């Protein structure tokens, strides 16, 4: 296996999907000739032509509405929302139509489309460029919500999202685009459910407490677990990978083993995915817990200016402080 970047893995996944299936089309703001703000679609228009990869008007609602019509008529569109908060004008289309179409037609119509959303912080961006908006989509029945944290998952999960016959909101952590690792960029389509769909993974084994994270928070959780090891504590890290569907079994089994849990996410904590994970763990592993499940999240404020970003985002120190406040006396 060769080393590649997270961004290149996504680019390769798109190219391979377009090569394998002529019904896959890619469009969005500046994704054609420019190759996207983050160059995730670089080279696709030159390789596949303007009929398969093109620049849309600056109209997110129109992008999603167009993709919905295409998906209902046999194509598999993959669209890009240029930045997380730029997608908000399209929420009515996504919530009222994309998410509900299969149910509204009693299964007669499926919506095989992927909405790519570069999201979260860590790049020194300004307002509207660093939101963690996953909770809105996770709350909407009819949508799948994926967020990879590794180079390998960037490739595999995007291929699986494109294969899905249901709409997938695919959240890409912007700060991980330039991360690099060895990855096997191959994909074998599966009949029915994809092999990794909705499956969490134990990214690091541990015995004393579980850190539950997804997307951009996974590397931070891994760094915190490594730092805790120097203090004599063994922390397990669960990478959820998929928010919807959510792998209750893997995270519950981990917490039952360790007896303690901290949920980590960049999103503001109130009424969030982190809140839901906390509730589900406490419902399912209550009798194994030695104390309450804690959360380390963004604060309940609009995303701050770049100079304050490091104070807003979950950090190793904030995670270790939460771990220290867990119940350690028997």
Protein backbone atom coordinates (compact mmCIF):
# COMPACT_ATOMS: atom_id res chain seq x y z
CA UNK A 1 0.00 0.00 0.00
CA UNK A 2 1.23 3.48 -0.87
CA UNK A 3 0.96 6.60 1.26
CA UNK A 4 -1.65 9.11 0.17
CA UNK A 5 -3.50 12.08 1.61
CA UNK A 6 -7.07 12.18 2.84
CA UNK A 7 -7.91 14.58 0.00
CA UNK A 8 -6.34 12.33 -2.63
CA UNK A 9 -8.23 9.32 -1.27
CA UNK A 10 -11.51 11.20 -1.76
CA UNK A 11 -10.46 12.31 -5.24
CA UNK A 12 -9.55 8.74 -6.19
CA UNK A 13 -12.86 7.45 -4.80
CA UNK A 14 -14.78 9.86 -7.00
CA UNK A 15 -12.72 9.02 -10.08
CA UNK A 16 -13.02 5.27 -9.51
CA UNK A 17 -16.78 5.52 -8.97
CA UNK A 18 -17.19 7.54 -12.17
CA UNK A 19 -15.06 5.05 -14.08
CA UNK A 20 -17.05 2.09 -12.75
CA UNK A 21 -20.52 3.55 -13.25
CA UNK A 22 -21.47 6.01 -16.02
CA UNK A 23 -24.53 7.09 -14.01
CA UNK A 24 -22.28 8.81 -11.42
CA UNK A 25 -22.04 12.55 -12.04
CA UNK A 26 -20.30 15.25 -9.99
CA UNK A 27 -21.27 18.90 -9.78
CA UNK A 28 -21.26 21.91 -7.49
CA UNK A 29 -19.69 25.32 -7.08
CA UNK A 30 -16.23 25.47 -8.70
CA UNK A 31 -15.82 21.68 -8.76
CA UNK A 32 -15.19 21.50 -12.51
CA UNK A 33 -12.31 23.45 -14.01
CA UNK A 34 -10.94 24.60 -10.62
CA UNK A 35 -11.32 21.20 -8.97
CA UNK A 36 -13.06 22.57 -5.88
CA UNK A 37 -11.85 24.90 -3.15
CA UNK A 38 -9.94 22.01 -1.57
CA UNK A 39 -9.14 20.36 -4.92
CA UNK A 40 -11.12 17.22 -4.07
CA UNK A 41 -12.53 17.09 -7.61
CA UNK A 42 -9.26 18.03 -9.29
CA UNK A 43 -8.88 16.50 -12.74
CA UNK A 44 -12.36 14.95 -12.93
CA UNK A 45 -13.68 17.32 -15.58
CA UNK A 46 -10.58 16.89 -17.73
CA UNK A 47 -10.88 13.12 -17.48
CA UNK A 48 -14.64 12.60 -17.77
CA UNK A 49 -15.80 15.72 -19.58
CA UNK A 50 -18.20 18.53 -18.81
CA UNK A 51 -21.23 16.23 -19.10
CA UNK A 52 -20.11 14.28 -16.02
CA UNK A 53 -18.38 16.95 -13.93
CA UNK A 54 -19.46 20.58 -14.13
CA UNK A 55 -19.71 23.89 -12.30
CA UNK A 56 -23.12 24.84 -10.97
CA UNK A 57 -24.49 28.32 -10.27
CA UNK A 58 -23.93 29.65 -6.73
CA UNK A 59 -27.29 28.33 -5.57
CA UNK A 60 -27.19 25.52 -3.02
CA UNK A 61 -30.94 24.91 -3.04
CA UNK A 62 -30.81 24.61 -6.82
CA UNK A 63 -27.88 22.18 -6.63
CA UNK A 64 -29.78 19.86 -4.30
CA UNK A 65 -33.06 20.15 -6.20
CA UNK A 66 -31.32 19.33 -9.48
CA UNK A 67 -29.51 16.37 -7.91
CA UNK A 68 -32.77 15.09 -6.45
CA UNK A 69 -34.41 15.07 -9.87
CA UNK A 70 -31.42 13.29 -11.35
CA UNK A 71 -31.41 10.67 -8.60
CA UNK A 72 -35.12 10.00 -9.10
CA UNK A 73 -34.45 9.38 -12.79
CA UNK A 74 -31.59 6.89 -12.74
CA UNK A 75 -28.44 8.91 -12.10
CA UNK A 76 -26.18 8.88 -9.05
CA UNK A 77 -25.23 12.52 -8.45
CA UNK A 78 -22.47 13.51 -6.04
CA UNK A 79 -22.73 17.19 -5.16
CA UNK A 80 -20.46 19.41 -3.12
CA UNK A 81 -21.52 22.05 -0.63
CA UNK A 82 -18.45 24.28 -0.76
CA UNK A 83 -18.39 24.85 3.02
CA UNK A 84 -20.51 23.47 5.84
CA UNK A 85 -22.58 26.60 6.55
CA UNK A 86 -22.99 27.30 2.84
CA UNK A 87 -25.39 24.34 2.77
CA UNK A 88 -28.03 26.03 4.92
CA UNK A 89 -29.96 27.52 1.96
CA UNK A 90 -30.43 23.92 0.75
CA UNK A 91 -31.85 22.53 3.99
CA UNK A 92 -35.48 22.85 2.87
CA UNK A 93 -34.78 20.70 -0.19
CA UNK A 94 -32.84 18.17 1.88
CA UNK A 95 -35.26 17.92 4.80
CA UNK A 96 -38.57 18.19 2.94
CA UNK A 97 -37.79 16.27 -0.24
CA UNK A 98 -34.47 14.36 -0.35
CA UNK A 99 -34.99 12.71 3.05
CA UNK A 100 -38.69 11.96 2.53
CA UNK A 101 -38.92 10.85 -1.10
CA UNK A 102 -38.62 7.09 -0.50
CA UNK A 103 -41.27 7.22 2.25
CA UNK A 104 -43.51 9.59 0.30
CA UNK A 105 -43.59 7.23 -2.68
CA UNK A 106 -43.92 4.09 -0.51
CA UNK A 107 -40.58 2.85 -1.75
CA UNK A 108 -41.27 3.31 -5.45
CA UNK A 109 -38.54 5.94 -5.77
CA UNK A 110 -35.10 5.83 -4.25
CA UNK A 111 -32.69 8.75 -4.00
CA UNK A 112 -29.13 7.50 -4.63
CA UNK A 113 -27.29 10.79 -4.13
CA UNK A 114 -24.35 11.96 -2.02
CA UNK A 115 -24.06 15.42 -0.52
CA UNK A 116 -20.40 16.12 0.28
CA UNK A 117 -19.91 18.65 3.07
CA UNK A 118 -16.45 19.88 4.09
CA UNK A 119 -17.00 20.67 7.77
CA UNK A 120 -15.64 21.49 11.23
CA UNK A 121 -12.70 23.62 12.29
CA UNK A 122 -8.97 23.45 12.68
CA UNK A 123 -8.08 25.50 9.59
CA UNK A 124 -8.30 29.03 10.99
CA UNK A 125 -11.43 29.76 9.02
CA UNK A 126 -13.96 32.48 9.68
CA UNK A 127 -17.70 32.36 10.32
CA UNK A 128 -19.67 30.20 7.85
CA UNK A 129 -16.53 28.19 7.04
CA UNK A 130 -16.08 25.97 10.11
CA UNK A 131 -19.52 24.90 11.34
CA UNK A 132 -20.20 21.42 12.66
CA UNK A 133 -23.74 21.02 11.40
CA UNK A 134 -24.07 17.23 11.58
CA UNK A 135 -26.77 17.33 14.28
CA UNK A 136 -29.29 18.93 11.90
CA UNK A 137 -28.93 16.10 9.40
CA UNK A 138 -28.73 13.32 12.00
CA UNK A 139 -32.07 14.50 13.39
CA UNK A 140 -33.75 14.05 9.98
CA UNK A 141 -35.14 10.54 9.28
CA UNK A 142 -34.35 9.32 5.77
CA UNK A 143 -30.76 10.52 5.61
CA UNK A 144 -27.58 8.58 6.20
CA UNK A 145 -24.76 10.59 7.77
CA UNK A 146 -21.14 9.46 7.36
CA UNK A 147 -17.92 11.08 8.54
CA UNK A 148 -14.56 9.35 8.00
CA UNK A 149 -11.52 10.08 10.16
CA UNK A 150 -8.82 8.11 8.35
CA UNK A 151 -7.38 8.09 4.85
CA UNK A 152 -8.58 4.53 4.29
CA UNK A 153 -12.12 5.35 5.40
CA UNK A 154 -12.15 8.46 3.23
CA UNK A 155 -11.85 6.25 0.17
CA UNK A 156 -13.89 3.24 1.28
CA UNK A 157 -16.77 5.13 2.87
CA UNK A 158 -17.19 7.52 -0.06
CA UNK A 159 -17.36 4.58 -2.46
CA UNK A 160 -19.96 2.96 -0.20
CA UNK A 161 -21.93 6.21 0.01
CA UNK A 162 -22.05 6.43 -3.79
CA UNK A 163 -23.21 2.80 -3.95
CA UNK A 164 -26.06 3.47 -1.50
CA UNK A 165 -29.59 3.69 -2.84
CA UNK A 166 -30.47 6.15 -0.08
CA UNK A 167 -29.25 9.75 0.25
CA UNK A 168 -25.99 10.14 2.17
CA UNK A 169 -24.69 13.34 3.72
CA UNK A 170 -20.94 12.82 3.66
CA UNK A 171 -19.11 15.05 6.14
CA UNK A 172 -15.41 15.56 5.38
CA UNK A 173 -13.25 17.02 8.18
CA UNK A 174 -11.41 19.89 6.51
CA UNK A 175 -8.44 19.79 8.86
CA UNK A 176 -7.77 16.17 7.85
CA UNK A 177 -7.57 16.83 4.10
CA UNK A 178 -3.78 17.05 4.26
CA UNK A 179 -3.24 14.13 6.65
CA UNK A 180 -1.34 11.23 5.11
CA UNK A 181 -1.31 7.47 5.65
CA UNK A 182 -1.04 4.19 3.81
CA UNK A 183 -4.32 3.14 2.22
CA UNK A 184 -5.63 0.50 -0.14
CA UNK A 185 -7.65 2.37 -2.72
CA UNK A 186 -9.78 -0.48 -3.99
CA UNK A 187 -13.46 -1.18 -3.62
CA UNK A 188 -15.67 -4.22 -4.23
CA UNK A 189 -19.39 -3.36 -4.37
CA UNK A 190 -21.54 -5.51 -2.11
CA UNK A 191 -25.08 -6.75 -2.51
CA UNK A 192 -27.37 -5.12 0.04
CA UNK A 193 -25.75 -3.28 2.94
CA UNK A 194 -22.18 -2.18 2.48
CA UNK A 195 -19.69 -4.05 4.71
CA UNK A 196 -18.75 -1.00 6.78
CA UNK A 197 -22.08 0.78 6.74
CA UNK A 198 -22.95 1.94 10.22
CA UNK A 199 -20.03 0.08 11.76
CA UNK A 200 -17.89 1.77 14.37
CA UNK A 201 -14.32 0.64 14.96
CA UNK A 202 -12.17 0.44 18.08
CA UNK A 203 -9.28 2.62 16.95
CA UNK A 204 -7.27 2.02 20.13
CA UNK A 205 -7.70 -0.67 22.76
CA UNK A 206 -7.90 0.33 26.42
CA UNK A 207 -9.24 -0.78 29.78
CA UNK A 208 -9.85 2.23 32.04
CA UNK A 209 -12.22 4.50 30.08
CA UNK A 210 -13.70 4.88 26.59
CA UNK A 211 -13.36 7.96 24.41
CA UNK A 212 -16.15 8.04 21.81
CA UNK A 213 -15.45 10.30 18.83
CA UNK A 214 -16.11 10.75 15.13
CA UNK A 215 -14.66 12.67 12.21
CA UNK A 216 -12.29 15.50 13.18
CA UNK A 217 -12.34 14.58 16.87
CA UNK A 218 -10.86 11.12 16.38
CA UNK A 219 -7.20 12.23 16.00
CA UNK A 220 -7.62 14.44 19.08
CA UNK A 221 -9.02 11.52 21.04
CA UNK A 222 -6.14 9.33 19.90
CA UNK A 223 -3.64 11.98 21.03
CA UNK A 224 -5.37 12.24 24.40
CA UNK A 225 -5.23 8.46 24.85
CA UNK A 226 -1.52 8.49 24.10
CA UNK A 227 -0.94 11.30 26.60
CA UNK A 228 -2.98 9.49 29.24
CA UNK A 229 -0.80 6.41 28.82
CA UNK A 230 2.13 8.41 30.25
CA UNK A 231 -0.01 8.98 33.34
CA UNK A 232 -0.74 5.30 33.73
CA UNK A 233 -4.28 5.30 32.32
CA UNK A 234 -5.42 3.07 29.49
CA UNK A 235 -8.03 4.76 27.32
CA UNK A 236 -9.96 3.03 24.56
CA UNK A 237 -10.96 5.08 21.51
CA UNK A 238 -14.07 4.27 19.49
CA UNK A 239 -14.31 5.89 16.04
CA UNK A 240 -18.01 5.90 15.13
CA UNK A 241 -17.40 6.54 11.39
CA UNK A 242 -21.16 6.66 10.78
CA UNK A 243 -23.55 8.85 12.75
CA UNK A 244 -26.64 7.49 10.97
CA UNK A 245 -26.89 4.56 11.23
CA UNK A 246 -25.24 4.54 14.65
CA UNK A 247 -23.38 1.48 15.92
CA UNK A 248 -24.79 1.17 19.44
CA UNK A 249 -23.33 -2.30 19.88
CA UNK A 250 -19.66 -1.39 19.47
CA UNK A 251 -19.67 1.70 21.66
CA UNK A 252 -21.83 0.03 24.34
CA UNK A 253 -19.57 -3.03 24.47
CA UNK A 254 -16.56 -0.79 24.95
CA UNK A 255 -18.18 1.19 27.78
CA UNK A 256 -19.36 -1.99 29.49
CA UNK A 257 -15.74 -3.15 29.45
CA UNK A 258 -14.16 0.07 30.75
CA UNK A 259 -16.98 1.37 32.96
CA UNK A 260 -16.30 5.01 32.02
CA UNK A 261 -16.93 7.16 28.95
CA UNK A 262 -16.24 10.59 27.48
CA UNK A 263 -17.95 11.69 24.25
CA UNK A 264 -15.93 14.10 22.08
CA UNK A 265 -17.27 16.26 19.25
CA UNK A 266 -16.61 19.72 17.81
CA UNK A 267 -20.30 20.56 17.53
CA UNK A 268 -21.84 22.74 20.26
CA UNK A 269 -23.01 20.37 22.97
CA UNK A 270 -26.65 21.37 23.46
CA UNK A 271 -29.15 19.12 21.64
CA UNK A 272 -26.32 17.60 19.61
CA UNK A 273 -25.13 14.25 18.28
CA UNK A 274 -22.88 14.15 21.37
CA UNK A 275 -26.00 14.50 23.55
CA UNK A 276 -27.69 11.59 21.78
CA UNK A 277 -24.62 9.37 22.08
CA UNK A 278 -24.37 10.18 25.79
CA UNK A 279 -28.01 9.31 26.37
CA UNK A 280 -27.80 6.04 24.44
CA UNK A 281 -24.68 4.89 26.27
CA UNK A 282 -26.22 5.65 29.66
CA UNK A 283 -29.42 3.82 28.69
CA UNK A 284 -27.62 0.74 27.44
CA UNK A 285 -24.63 0.49 29.78
CA UNK A 286 -26.02 2.06 32.96
CA UNK A 287 -25.25 -0.87 35.26
CA UNK A 288 -21.66 -1.02 34.02
CA UNK A 289 -20.93 2.66 34.53
CA UNK A 290 -18.84 3.82 37.48
CA UNK A 291 -19.94 7.42 36.95
CA UNK A 292 -21.81 9.66 34.51
CA UNK A 293 -20.90 9.82 30.84
CA UNK A 294 -19.19 13.17 30.18
CA UNK A 295 -18.96 15.31 27.04
CA UNK A 296 -16.18 17.45 25.61
CA UNK A 297 -17.63 19.56 22.80
CA UNK A 298 -17.56 22.97 21.20
CA UNK A 299 -19.20 25.69 23.25
CA UNK A 300 -22.79 26.84 22.69
CA UNK A 301 -21.77 29.91 20.70
CA UNK A 302 -21.35 30.77 17.01
CA UNK A 303 -18.00 29.61 15.67
CA UNK A 304 -15.37 32.04 16.96
CA UNK A 305 -12.71 34.09 15.19
CA UNK A 306 -9.51 32.19 14.24
CA UNK A 307 -7.56 33.50 17.23
CA UNK A 308 -10.05 31.85 19.60
CA UNK A 309 -10.44 28.60 17.67
CA UNK A 310 -8.03 26.61 19.84
CA UNK A 311 -10.07 27.50 22.94
CA UNK A 312 -13.35 26.51 21.30
CA UNK A 313 -12.38 23.12 19.89
CA UNK A 314 -12.01 19.98 22.03
CA UNK A 315 -8.34 19.63 22.92
CA UNK A 316 -6.13 17.01 24.52
CA UNK A 317 -6.07 19.04 27.74
CA UNK A 318 -9.87 19.39 27.85
CA UNK A 319 -10.28 15.66 27.23
CA UNK A 320 -7.76 14.73 29.93
CA UNK A 321 -9.50 17.11 32.36
CA UNK A 322 -12.76 15.27 31.68
CA UNK A 323 -11.07 11.91 32.17
CA UNK A 324 -9.61 13.12 35.48
CA UNK A 325 -13.08 14.09 36.67
CA UNK A 326 -14.52 10.63 36.05
CA UNK A 327 -15.19 8.42 39.06
CA UNK A 328 -11.91 6.66 39.83
CA UNK A 329 -12.54 5.57 43.42
CA UNK A 330 -14.23 2.21 43.86
